[in-house]
N, C-alpha and C. Protein backbone atom coordinates (compact mmCIF):
# COMPACT_ATOMS: atom_id res chain seq x y z
N UNK A 1 84.20 106.53 71.23
CA UNK A 1 83.63 105.92 72.07
C UNK A 1 83.46 106.44 73.42
N UNK A 2 82.14 106.28 74.22
CA UNK A 2 81.81 107.22 75.38
C UNK A 2 82.70 106.13 76.58
N UNK A 3 82.95 106.97 77.41
CA UNK A 3 83.62 106.53 78.50
C UNK A 3 82.73 105.88 79.66
N UNK A 4 82.55 104.64 79.25
CA UNK A 4 81.29 104.13 80.13
C UNK A 4 81.61 103.42 81.35
N UNK A 5 81.03 103.77 82.50
CA UNK A 5 81.41 103.19 83.81
C UNK A 5 80.24 102.30 84.46
N UNK A 6 79.10 102.43 84.03
CA UNK A 6 77.91 101.73 84.46
C UNK A 6 77.51 100.84 83.47
N UNK A 7 77.43 99.40 84.00
CA UNK A 7 77.18 98.35 82.54
C UNK A 7 75.93 97.59 83.05
N UNK A 8 75.65 96.73 82.40
CA UNK A 8 74.46 95.67 82.43
C UNK A 8 74.98 94.60 83.40
N UNK A 9 74.02 94.21 84.19
CA UNK A 9 74.29 92.89 84.94
C UNK A 9 74.29 91.78 84.16
N UNK A 10 74.83 90.46 84.67
CA UNK A 10 74.95 89.38 84.04
C UNK A 10 73.61 88.77 83.77
N UNK A 11 72.66 89.00 84.51
CA UNK A 11 71.34 88.66 84.49
C UNK A 11 70.68 88.91 83.37
N UNK A 12 70.75 90.34 83.00
CA UNK A 12 70.07 91.13 81.89
C UNK A 12 70.95 90.65 80.60
N UNK A 13 72.15 90.48 80.64
CA UNK A 13 72.90 89.93 79.34
C UNK A 13 72.32 88.55 79.15
N UNK A 14 72.24 87.51 79.96
CA UNK A 14 71.78 86.39 79.81
C UNK A 14 70.36 86.25 79.60
N UNK A 15 69.67 87.11 80.24
CA UNK A 15 68.03 86.98 79.45
C UNK A 15 67.86 87.72 78.18
N UNK A 16 68.82 88.58 77.55
CA UNK A 16 68.74 89.05 76.21
C UNK A 16 69.36 87.68 75.26
N UNK A 17 70.52 87.10 75.66
CA UNK A 17 71.00 86.23 74.92
C UNK A 17 69.98 84.99 74.62
N UNK A 18 69.40 84.89 75.74
CA UNK A 18 68.48 83.71 75.82
C UNK A 18 66.84 84.05 75.01
N UNK A 19 66.75 85.22 75.12
CA UNK A 19 65.76 85.76 74.03
C UNK A 19 64.29 85.85 75.14
N UNK A 20 64.66 85.97 76.63
CA UNK A 20 63.65 85.72 77.82
C UNK A 20 63.09 87.19 78.21
N UNK A 21 64.03 88.43 77.70
CA UNK A 21 63.55 89.72 78.19
C UNK A 21 62.09 90.05 77.54
N UNK A 22 61.32 91.23 78.00
CA UNK A 22 60.46 91.83 77.39
C UNK A 22 61.04 92.61 76.58
N UNK A 23 60.30 93.09 75.20
CA UNK A 23 60.85 93.82 74.34
C UNK A 23 61.39 94.95 74.58
N UNK A 24 60.62 95.63 75.66
CA UNK A 24 61.31 97.06 76.05
C UNK A 24 62.51 96.92 76.60
N UNK A 25 62.86 95.91 77.46
CA UNK A 25 64.07 95.92 78.16
C UNK A 25 65.28 95.26 77.00
N UNK A 26 64.71 94.66 75.98
CA UNK A 26 65.61 94.11 74.88
C UNK A 26 66.21 95.14 74.21
N UNK A 27 65.25 96.24 73.89
CA UNK A 27 65.63 97.44 73.12
C UNK A 27 66.65 98.16 74.03
N UNK A 28 66.49 98.49 75.29
CA UNK A 28 67.40 99.05 76.04
C UNK A 28 68.95 98.52 76.10
N UNK A 29 68.73 97.22 76.37
CA UNK A 29 70.14 96.47 76.16
C UNK A 29 70.70 96.44 74.99
N UNK A 30 69.97 96.01 73.89
CA UNK A 30 70.44 96.49 72.46
C UNK A 30 71.19 97.58 72.20
N UNK A 31 70.63 98.75 72.55
CA UNK A 31 70.95 100.13 72.55
C UNK A 31 72.48 100.32 73.20
N UNK A 32 72.34 99.87 74.71
CA UNK A 32 73.52 99.71 75.23
C UNK A 32 74.93 99.12 74.86
N UNK A 33 74.45 97.82 74.40
CA UNK A 33 75.28 96.89 73.80
C UNK A 33 76.03 97.42 72.42
N UNK A 34 75.28 98.25 71.82
CA UNK A 34 76.06 99.04 70.48
C UNK A 34 76.91 99.92 70.77
N UNK A 35 76.82 100.28 72.00
CA UNK A 35 77.70 101.33 72.42
C UNK A 35 78.76 101.03 73.31
N UNK A 36 78.74 99.88 74.02
CA UNK A 36 79.58 99.37 75.10
C UNK A 36 80.35 98.27 74.80
N UNK A 37 81.73 98.34 74.37
CA UNK A 37 82.67 97.11 74.11
C UNK A 37 82.57 95.81 75.11
N UNK A 38 82.59 96.44 76.36
CA UNK A 38 82.80 95.64 77.44
C UNK A 38 81.51 94.78 77.69
N UNK A 39 80.36 95.21 77.46
CA UNK A 39 78.93 94.58 77.56
C UNK A 39 78.87 93.75 76.21
N UNK A 40 79.03 94.11 75.27
CA UNK A 40 79.17 93.50 73.99
C UNK A 40 79.95 92.26 74.09
N UNK A 41 81.36 92.26 74.58
CA UNK A 41 82.24 90.82 74.80
C UNK A 41 81.29 90.05 75.79
N UNK A 42 80.81 90.55 76.57
CA UNK A 42 80.50 89.60 77.71
C UNK A 42 79.05 88.98 77.28
N UNK A 43 78.22 89.59 76.32
CA UNK A 43 77.08 89.28 75.64
C UNK A 43 77.46 88.05 74.82
N UNK A 44 78.68 88.19 74.02
CA UNK A 44 79.04 87.23 73.22
C UNK A 44 79.64 86.09 73.84
N UNK A 45 79.87 86.12 75.40
CA UNK A 45 80.49 84.76 75.86
C UNK A 45 79.29 84.27 76.11
N UNK A 46 78.13 84.76 76.68
CA UNK A 46 76.76 83.84 77.03
C UNK A 46 76.20 83.44 75.76
N UNK A 47 76.27 84.19 74.70
CA UNK A 47 75.85 83.62 73.39
C UNK A 47 76.30 82.03 73.03
N UNK A 48 77.81 82.33 73.33
CA UNK A 48 78.49 81.00 72.96
C UNK A 48 78.06 79.88 74.00
N UNK A 49 77.94 80.17 75.24
CA UNK A 49 77.50 79.11 76.12
C UNK A 49 76.20 78.67 75.80
N UNK A 50 75.21 79.49 75.39
CA UNK A 50 74.16 79.06 75.03
C UNK A 50 73.97 78.39 73.69
N UNK A 51 74.85 78.36 72.74
CA UNK A 51 75.11 77.89 71.63
C UNK A 51 75.95 75.96 72.13
N UNK A 52 76.68 76.14 72.99
CA UNK A 52 77.03 74.94 73.24
C UNK A 52 75.88 74.15 74.12
N UNK A 53 74.90 74.93 74.92
CA UNK A 53 74.01 74.14 75.48
C UNK A 53 72.98 73.41 74.46
N UNK A 54 72.70 74.41 73.29
CA UNK A 54 71.88 73.70 72.14
C UNK A 54 72.55 72.64 71.47
N UNK A 55 73.69 72.68 71.31
CA UNK A 55 74.57 71.60 70.45
C UNK A 55 74.54 70.37 71.33
N UNK A 56 74.36 70.48 72.53
CA UNK A 56 74.52 69.21 73.51
C UNK A 56 73.22 68.51 73.85
N UNK A 57 72.19 69.41 73.53
CA UNK A 57 70.87 68.92 73.65
C UNK A 57 70.54 67.78 72.92
N UNK A 58 69.43 66.97 73.35
CA UNK A 58 68.89 65.80 72.77
C UNK A 58 68.22 66.16 71.52
N UNK A 59 68.17 65.24 70.51
CA UNK A 59 67.39 65.27 69.04
C UNK A 59 66.09 65.09 69.21
N UNK A 60 65.06 65.49 68.44
CA UNK A 60 63.75 65.41 68.62
C UNK A 60 63.43 64.83 67.13
N UNK A 61 62.26 64.23 67.32
CA UNK A 61 61.93 63.85 65.73
C UNK A 61 61.07 64.85 65.18
N UNK A 62 61.11 64.94 63.61
CA UNK A 62 60.55 65.93 63.05
C UNK A 62 59.99 65.01 61.57
N UNK A 63 58.95 65.69 61.28
CA UNK A 63 58.35 65.36 59.81
C UNK A 63 59.18 65.35 59.11
N UNK A 64 59.06 64.33 58.04
CA UNK A 64 60.03 64.29 56.80
C UNK A 64 59.81 65.78 55.74
N UNK A 65 58.97 66.26 55.88
CA UNK A 65 58.87 67.55 55.02
C UNK A 65 59.41 68.82 55.89
N UNK A 66 59.71 68.77 56.92
CA UNK A 66 59.98 69.89 57.87
C UNK A 66 61.11 70.95 57.26
N UNK A 67 62.19 70.03 56.96
CA UNK A 67 63.08 70.95 56.28
C UNK A 67 62.52 71.84 54.85
N UNK A 68 61.87 71.17 53.90
CA UNK A 68 61.27 71.60 52.90
C UNK A 68 60.50 72.87 53.20
N UNK A 69 59.71 72.51 54.28
CA UNK A 69 58.58 73.42 54.68
C UNK A 69 59.28 74.80 55.23
N UNK A 70 60.45 74.76 56.11
CA UNK A 70 60.96 75.91 56.61
C UNK A 70 61.91 76.45 55.44
N UNK A 71 62.47 75.96 54.38
CA UNK A 71 62.91 76.63 53.30
C UNK A 71 61.89 77.23 52.58
N UNK A 72 60.68 76.90 52.14
CA UNK A 72 59.49 77.35 51.57
C UNK A 72 59.03 78.84 52.50
N UNK A 73 58.98 78.87 53.55
CA UNK A 73 58.77 79.88 54.36
C UNK A 73 59.76 80.89 54.18
N UNK A 74 61.11 80.74 54.30
CA UNK A 74 61.94 81.59 53.94
C UNK A 74 62.04 82.26 52.79
N UNK A 75 61.95 81.57 51.96
CA UNK A 75 61.76 81.73 50.21
C UNK A 75 60.78 82.83 50.02
N UNK A 76 59.60 82.71 51.06
CA UNK A 76 58.26 83.40 50.58
C UNK A 76 58.14 84.60 51.50
N UNK A 77 59.40 84.87 52.36
CA UNK A 77 59.36 86.14 53.39
C UNK A 77 59.81 87.18 52.51
N UNK A 78 59.16 88.25 52.46
CA UNK A 78 59.93 89.30 51.57
C UNK A 78 60.87 89.98 52.25
N UNK A 79 61.83 90.45 51.87
CA UNK A 79 63.04 90.87 52.23
C UNK A 79 62.75 92.37 52.82
N UNK A 80 63.20 92.58 54.10
CA UNK A 80 62.99 93.96 54.79
C UNK A 80 64.00 95.01 53.90
N UNK A 81 63.48 96.23 53.73
CA UNK A 81 64.00 97.35 53.11
C UNK A 81 65.24 97.91 53.99
N UNK A 82 66.25 97.99 53.28
CA UNK A 82 67.23 98.39 54.00
C UNK A 82 67.17 100.20 54.36
N UNK A 83 67.12 100.35 55.82
CA UNK A 83 66.93 101.79 56.22
C UNK A 83 68.25 102.49 56.56
N UNK A 84 68.26 103.48 56.16
CA UNK A 84 69.68 104.52 56.07
C UNK A 84 69.23 105.79 56.77
N UNK A 85 69.77 105.97 57.90
CA UNK A 85 69.64 107.14 58.70
C UNK A 85 70.80 108.10 58.87
N UNK A 86 70.57 109.31 58.88
CA UNK A 86 71.71 110.23 59.25
C UNK A 86 72.34 109.86 60.70
N UNK A 87 73.67 110.04 60.59
CA UNK A 87 74.36 109.83 61.61
C UNK A 87 74.11 110.73 63.01
N UNK A 88 73.58 110.42 64.11
CA UNK A 88 73.42 111.23 65.42
C UNK A 88 73.70 110.65 66.68
N UNK A 89 73.01 110.86 67.74
CA UNK A 89 73.21 110.41 69.22
C UNK A 89 72.56 109.01 69.26
N UNK A 90 71.48 108.59 68.32
CA UNK A 90 70.59 107.37 68.75
C UNK A 90 71.50 106.11 67.90
N UNK A 91 71.77 104.98 68.73
CA UNK A 91 72.33 104.03 68.03
C UNK A 91 71.51 103.20 66.85
N UNK A 92 71.90 102.36 66.20
CA UNK A 92 70.82 101.82 65.01
C UNK A 92 69.62 101.27 65.65
N UNK A 93 69.98 100.36 66.92
CA UNK A 93 68.82 99.73 67.19
C UNK A 93 67.74 100.64 67.62
N UNK A 94 68.13 101.78 68.10
CA UNK A 94 66.89 102.85 68.69
C UNK A 94 66.24 103.41 67.46
N UNK A 95 67.50 103.68 66.48
CA UNK A 95 66.91 104.67 65.18
C UNK A 95 65.95 103.88 64.32
N UNK A 96 65.91 102.44 64.51
CA UNK A 96 64.68 101.77 64.03
C UNK A 96 63.64 101.81 64.48
N UNK A 97 63.43 102.14 65.91
CA UNK A 97 62.29 102.36 66.76
C UNK A 97 61.56 103.56 66.52
N UNK A 98 62.30 104.73 66.29
CA UNK A 98 62.21 106.11 66.65
C UNK A 98 62.00 106.58 64.83
N UNK A 99 62.43 105.70 64.07
CA UNK A 99 62.41 106.20 62.43
C UNK A 99 63.24 107.06 62.27
N UNK A 100 64.46 107.68 62.81
CA UNK A 100 65.37 108.52 62.71
C UNK A 100 66.27 108.64 63.97
N UNK A 101 66.52 110.10 64.13
CA UNK A 101 67.34 110.36 65.47
C UNK A 101 66.55 111.42 66.17
N UNK A 102 67.14 112.13 67.12
CA UNK A 102 66.49 112.83 67.96
C UNK A 102 65.61 113.97 67.35
N UNK A 103 65.72 114.38 66.26
CA UNK A 103 65.11 115.48 65.55
C UNK A 103 63.66 115.01 64.97
N UNK A 104 63.62 113.51 64.97
CA UNK A 104 62.52 113.11 64.44
C UNK A 104 61.53 112.50 65.63
N UNK A 105 61.89 112.57 66.91
CA UNK A 105 61.08 112.35 68.00
C UNK A 105 59.94 113.20 68.25
N UNK A 106 58.82 112.43 68.56
CA UNK A 106 57.39 113.31 68.70
C UNK A 106 57.26 113.45 70.05
N UNK A 107 58.17 114.51 70.50
CA UNK A 107 58.03 114.73 72.24
C UNK A 107 56.73 115.17 72.63
N UNK A 108 56.38 114.92 73.76
CA UNK A 108 55.08 115.12 74.52
C UNK A 108 55.53 115.79 75.72
N UNK A 109 55.16 116.86 76.31
CA UNK A 109 55.53 117.46 77.49
C UNK A 109 55.04 116.55 78.83
N UNK A 110 55.56 116.46 79.97
CA UNK A 110 55.15 115.70 81.11
C UNK A 110 55.19 116.48 82.20
N UNK A 111 55.37 117.76 81.93
CA UNK A 111 55.68 118.52 83.33
C UNK A 111 57.08 119.20 83.76
N UNK A 112 57.30 120.24 84.24
CA UNK A 112 58.50 120.62 84.61
C UNK A 112 59.40 120.77 83.30
N UNK A 113 59.06 121.08 82.52
CA UNK A 113 60.12 121.24 81.15
C UNK A 113 60.59 119.72 80.48
N UNK A 114 60.28 118.69 81.28
CA UNK A 114 60.44 117.45 80.83
C UNK A 114 59.51 116.80 79.53
N UNK A 115 60.10 116.02 78.81
CA UNK A 115 59.32 115.84 77.48
C UNK A 115 59.29 114.19 77.40
N UNK A 116 58.73 113.41 76.74
CA UNK A 116 58.69 112.03 76.65
C UNK A 116 58.47 111.67 75.02
N UNK A 117 58.79 110.50 74.87
CA UNK A 117 57.93 109.79 73.90
C UNK A 117 57.83 108.20 73.97
N UNK A 118 56.76 107.55 74.06
CA UNK A 118 56.65 106.53 74.54
C UNK A 118 56.75 105.44 73.16
N UNK A 119 57.48 104.57 73.19
CA UNK A 119 57.92 103.83 72.20
C UNK A 119 57.05 102.51 72.13
N UNK A 120 56.53 102.15 71.14
CA UNK A 120 55.39 100.91 70.92
C UNK A 120 56.72 99.45 71.05
N UNK A 121 55.71 98.90 72.05
CA UNK A 121 56.53 97.48 72.49
C UNK A 121 55.51 96.71 72.94
N UNK A 122 55.99 95.36 73.05
CA UNK A 122 54.86 94.44 73.70
C UNK A 122 55.76 93.43 74.77
N UNK A 123 54.74 92.85 75.63
CA UNK A 123 55.71 91.87 76.50
C UNK A 123 55.63 92.39 78.06
N UNK A 124 54.68 93.38 78.40
CA UNK A 124 54.63 93.69 79.56
C UNK A 124 55.25 94.65 80.32
N UNK A 125 56.29 95.52 79.50
CA UNK A 125 57.12 96.24 80.25
C UNK A 125 56.93 97.67 79.16
N UNK A 126 57.28 98.76 79.48
CA UNK A 126 56.95 99.83 78.58
C UNK A 126 58.65 100.53 78.57
N UNK A 127 58.72 101.29 77.49
CA UNK A 127 60.11 101.95 76.92
C UNK A 127 59.51 103.38 76.69
N UNK A 128 60.46 104.37 76.97
CA UNK A 128 60.45 105.71 76.67
C UNK A 128 61.69 106.50 76.59
N UNK A 129 61.44 107.46 75.77
CA UNK A 129 62.67 108.42 75.47
C UNK A 129 62.04 109.60 76.48
N UNK A 130 63.24 110.11 77.17
CA UNK A 130 62.90 111.42 78.03
C UNK A 130 63.96 112.39 77.77
N UNK A 131 63.49 113.44 77.61
CA UNK A 131 64.31 114.84 77.45
C UNK A 131 64.09 115.49 78.60
N UNK A 132 65.02 115.81 79.41
CA UNK A 132 65.11 116.47 80.74
C UNK A 132 66.02 117.71 80.44
N UNK A 133 65.70 118.81 80.64
CA UNK A 133 66.36 119.94 80.55
C UNK A 133 67.76 120.12 81.44
N UNK A 134 68.79 120.65 81.00
CA UNK A 134 69.84 120.84 82.10
C UNK A 134 69.11 121.52 83.44
N UNK A 135 69.86 120.82 84.67
CA UNK A 135 69.38 121.32 85.77
C UNK A 135 68.14 121.14 86.36
N UNK A 136 67.33 120.21 85.52
CA UNK A 136 66.08 119.97 85.98
C UNK A 136 65.99 118.38 86.60
N UNK A 137 65.15 118.34 87.78
CA UNK A 137 65.13 117.16 88.68
C UNK A 137 63.96 116.07 88.26
N UNK A 138 63.95 114.99 88.04
CA UNK A 138 62.70 114.34 88.03
C UNK A 138 62.35 113.96 89.65
N UNK A 139 61.01 113.94 89.71
CA UNK A 139 60.30 113.82 91.01
C UNK A 139 60.95 112.82 91.81
N UNK A 140 61.38 112.72 92.91
CA UNK A 140 61.68 111.67 93.77
C UNK A 140 60.68 110.50 93.78
N UNK A 141 61.24 109.22 93.55
CA UNK A 141 60.53 108.20 93.48
C UNK A 141 61.33 106.83 93.63
N UNK A 142 60.54 105.90 93.94
CA UNK A 142 61.27 104.64 94.07
C UNK A 142 60.57 103.58 92.97
N UNK A 143 60.66 102.04 93.01
CA UNK A 143 60.20 101.53 92.05
C UNK A 143 59.52 100.15 92.57
N UNK A 144 58.51 99.89 91.87
CA UNK A 144 57.70 98.51 92.16
C UNK A 144 58.04 97.33 91.54
N UNK A 145 59.19 97.53 90.69
CA UNK A 145 59.93 96.63 89.58
C UNK A 145 61.18 97.12 89.35
N UNK A 146 61.40 96.74 88.14
CA UNK A 146 63.04 97.12 87.48
C UNK A 146 62.55 98.05 86.51
N UNK A 147 63.97 99.10 86.67
CA UNK A 147 63.80 100.16 85.75
C UNK A 147 65.35 100.46 85.08
N UNK A 148 65.27 100.24 83.87
CA UNK A 148 66.75 100.59 83.03
C UNK A 148 66.88 101.88 82.69
N UNK A 149 67.84 102.72 82.76
CA UNK A 149 67.96 103.95 82.32
C UNK A 149 69.12 104.24 81.48
N UNK A 150 69.01 104.32 80.36
CA UNK A 150 70.49 104.57 79.43
C UNK A 150 70.63 105.92 79.08
N UNK A 151 71.68 106.55 79.20
CA UNK A 151 71.95 107.88 78.82
C UNK A 151 72.48 108.09 77.46
N UNK A 152 71.88 108.95 76.71
CA UNK A 152 72.25 109.12 75.09
C UNK A 152 72.85 110.55 74.76
N UNK A 153 72.75 111.25 75.71
CA UNK A 153 73.32 112.73 75.57
C UNK A 153 73.02 113.10 76.89
N UNK A 154 74.16 114.09 77.21
CA UNK A 154 74.22 114.78 78.49
C UNK A 154 74.46 113.90 79.49
N UNK A 155 74.00 114.14 80.92
CA UNK A 155 74.54 113.18 81.77
C UNK A 155 73.11 113.83 83.12
N UNK A 156 73.37 112.72 84.01
CA UNK A 156 72.55 112.90 85.34
C UNK A 156 72.94 112.26 86.38
N UNK A 157 72.76 112.92 87.44
CA UNK A 157 73.11 112.31 88.83
C UNK A 157 71.90 112.10 89.76
N UNK A 158 72.33 111.06 90.80
CA UNK A 158 71.29 110.62 91.82
C UNK A 158 71.73 110.18 92.94
N UNK A 159 71.02 109.72 94.02
CA UNK A 159 71.96 109.24 94.95
C UNK A 159 72.90 108.12 95.04
N UNK A 160 72.85 107.36 93.81
CA UNK A 160 73.45 106.47 93.75
C UNK A 160 75.04 106.85 92.89
N UNK A 161 74.90 107.64 91.79
CA UNK A 161 76.17 108.04 91.30
C UNK A 161 75.74 109.19 89.84
N UNK A 162 76.88 109.41 89.18
CA UNK A 162 76.83 109.93 88.23
C UNK A 162 76.62 109.30 86.84
N UNK A 163 75.61 109.49 85.79
CA UNK A 163 75.59 108.73 84.61
C UNK A 163 75.69 109.59 83.41
N UNK A 164 76.58 109.23 82.59
CA UNK A 164 77.20 109.87 81.38
C UNK A 164 76.74 109.11 80.15
N UNK A 165 76.96 109.51 79.04
CA UNK A 165 76.75 108.93 77.79
C UNK A 165 76.95 107.60 77.60
N UNK A 166 76.22 106.58 77.42
CA UNK A 166 76.48 105.14 77.37
C UNK A 166 76.21 104.30 78.84
N UNK A 167 76.29 105.25 79.99
CA UNK A 167 76.03 104.62 81.02
C UNK A 167 74.64 104.26 81.31
N UNK A 168 74.30 103.05 82.08
CA UNK A 168 73.07 102.57 82.31
C UNK A 168 72.76 102.16 83.99
N UNK A 169 71.78 102.96 84.26
CA UNK A 169 71.45 102.67 85.56
C UNK A 169 70.48 101.40 85.61
N UNK A 170 70.63 100.69 86.54
CA UNK A 170 69.73 99.45 86.80
C UNK A 170 69.01 99.77 88.34
N UNK A 171 67.79 100.10 88.23
CA UNK A 171 67.26 100.40 89.48
C UNK A 171 66.16 99.25 89.88
N UNK A 172 66.12 98.91 90.90
CA UNK A 172 64.80 97.97 91.65
C UNK A 172 64.28 98.65 92.75
N UNK A 173 63.46 97.69 93.39
CA UNK A 173 62.68 98.22 94.61
C UNK A 173 63.42 98.89 95.86
N UNK A 174 64.89 98.61 95.72
CA UNK A 174 65.62 99.18 96.92
C UNK A 174 65.91 100.48 96.54
N UNK A 175 65.85 101.01 95.40
CA UNK A 175 66.45 102.50 95.22
C UNK A 175 65.42 103.56 95.16
N UNK A 176 65.38 104.43 96.08
CA UNK A 176 64.57 105.66 95.94
C UNK A 176 65.66 106.87 95.23
N UNK A 177 65.36 107.50 94.38
CA UNK A 177 66.15 108.56 94.06
C UNK A 177 65.56 109.59 93.55
N UNK A 178 66.41 110.73 93.23
CA UNK A 178 66.02 112.04 92.53
C UNK A 178 67.00 112.16 91.61
N UNK A 179 66.78 111.88 90.16
CA UNK A 179 67.65 111.94 89.27
C UNK A 179 67.79 113.57 88.83
N UNK A 180 68.77 114.27 88.58
CA UNK A 180 68.87 115.48 88.20
C UNK A 180 69.95 115.64 87.00
N UNK A 181 69.11 116.36 85.82
CA UNK A 181 70.20 116.40 84.71
C UNK A 181 71.27 117.47 84.77
N UNK A 182 72.40 117.25 84.72
CA UNK A 182 73.53 118.20 84.85
C UNK A 182 73.01 119.55 84.10
N UNK A 183 73.80 120.57 84.65
CA UNK A 183 73.71 121.90 83.63
C UNK A 183 74.14 121.59 82.17
N UNK A 184 73.65 122.61 81.56
CA UNK A 184 74.06 122.55 79.87
C UNK A 184 73.21 121.81 79.48
N UNK A 185 73.90 121.07 78.19
CA UNK A 185 72.84 120.22 77.15
C UNK A 185 71.73 119.38 78.08
N UNK A 186 70.86 119.35 77.17
CA UNK A 186 69.55 118.37 78.19
C UNK A 186 69.99 117.03 77.86
N UNK A 187 69.50 116.28 79.02
CA UNK A 187 70.10 114.73 79.24
C UNK A 187 68.64 114.16 78.41
N UNK A 188 68.86 113.40 77.42
CA UNK A 188 68.27 112.32 76.84
C UNK A 188 68.55 110.97 77.27
N UNK A 189 67.42 110.32 77.66
CA UNK A 189 67.45 109.06 78.28
C UNK A 189 66.79 108.15 77.46
N UNK A 190 66.91 106.84 77.32
CA UNK A 190 65.91 105.77 77.34
C UNK A 190 66.04 104.88 78.23
N UNK A 191 64.63 104.84 78.52
CA UNK A 191 64.24 104.30 80.04
C UNK A 191 63.08 103.04 79.99
N UNK A 192 63.18 102.02 80.41
CA UNK A 192 62.33 100.97 80.55
C UNK A 192 61.90 100.57 81.87
N UNK A 193 60.52 100.11 82.11
CA UNK A 193 60.14 99.85 83.29
C UNK A 193 59.32 98.52 83.43
N UNK A 194 59.03 97.87 84.17
CA UNK A 194 58.03 96.85 84.12
C UNK A 194 56.93 96.85 84.91
N UNK A 195 56.72 97.97 85.85
CA UNK A 195 55.80 98.26 86.72
C UNK A 195 56.09 99.88 87.03
N UNK A 196 54.69 100.49 87.21
CA UNK A 196 54.68 101.85 87.50
C UNK A 196 55.51 102.40 88.64
N UNK A 197 56.20 103.63 88.23
CA UNK A 197 57.10 104.62 89.52
C UNK A 197 56.55 104.49 90.74
N UNK A 198 57.05 104.50 91.88
CA UNK A 198 56.47 104.88 93.16
C UNK A 198 56.48 106.58 93.49
N UNK A 199 55.80 107.53 92.99
CA UNK A 199 56.27 109.00 93.49
C UNK A 199 56.13 109.19 94.81
N UNK A 200 57.06 109.71 95.65
CA UNK A 200 56.80 110.16 96.64
C UNK A 200 56.04 111.47 97.18
N UNK A 201 55.91 112.30 96.07
CA UNK A 201 54.84 113.44 96.44
C UNK A 201 53.61 113.42 95.73
N UNK A 202 52.65 114.39 96.14
CA UNK A 202 51.16 114.15 95.69
C UNK A 202 51.11 114.32 94.27
N UNK A 203 51.29 115.75 93.80
CA UNK A 203 51.07 116.24 92.57
C UNK A 203 52.05 115.12 91.38
N UNK A 204 53.07 114.38 91.53
CA UNK A 204 53.69 113.37 90.63
C UNK A 204 52.46 112.21 90.39
N UNK A 205 52.10 111.75 91.80
CA UNK A 205 50.98 110.65 91.63
C UNK A 205 49.84 111.19 90.94
N UNK A 206 49.40 111.96 91.02
CA UNK A 206 47.96 112.59 90.24
C UNK A 206 48.47 112.51 88.82
N UNK A 207 49.50 113.13 88.50
CA UNK A 207 49.83 113.23 87.02
C UNK A 207 50.33 112.02 86.17
N UNK A 208 50.72 111.04 87.33
CA UNK A 208 51.33 109.53 86.59
C UNK A 208 50.17 108.90 85.75
N UNK A 209 48.91 109.16 86.17
CA UNK A 209 48.02 108.22 85.29
C UNK A 209 47.70 108.86 83.87
N UNK A 210 48.23 110.15 83.70
CA UNK A 210 48.05 110.54 82.32
C UNK A 210 49.35 110.39 81.64
N UNK A 211 50.64 110.55 82.16
CA UNK A 211 52.03 110.62 81.55
C UNK A 211 52.52 109.17 81.37
N UNK A 212 51.78 107.99 82.16
CA UNK A 212 51.95 106.54 82.12
C UNK A 212 53.27 106.23 82.31
N UNK A 213 53.84 106.66 83.34
CA UNK A 213 54.99 106.11 83.95
C UNK A 213 55.16 105.74 85.29
């Protein structure tokens, strides 16, 4: 198990438990929780509270055939095939999106040796895998909204701290930073954003429309 020092906020865990997060953020949260005992335990507490709230909620009237109709829908829903992937650096929630592990990723260059793969998601936010060679920096930028960055391989440092495997950085409008991958193996991250980044130099701003970040 990775030595995880940076965790999810209560707000994100509560949103995930309630099902109110965009799909992109839910994927990052699910992937982190699969790696982190502490956040998995906290999530269980929020889910238990949600269950108690549901149990104490008032009843509503339903049609006489509601139960039969629900059971018919369940019976007619085809069973999803079981997927088996080789063990790698991607936890199961992410492997289901990629269709495998890092060797199955369809990387596309975005400049400076950095590569990405945008994953399909709905709900007003985007999620991507980033492959940053050791020693390479992502251009200095700020945020117009929320950005979650989960490290899957390697590590990076920025003005806030160092982030290794399993760590998650929660960045908002208050943070301007220049993430730099540590020397050695490439840093692979899963990152979700709900608004375009604010790059502080001209060339990254020009390239932004093409790389959709």
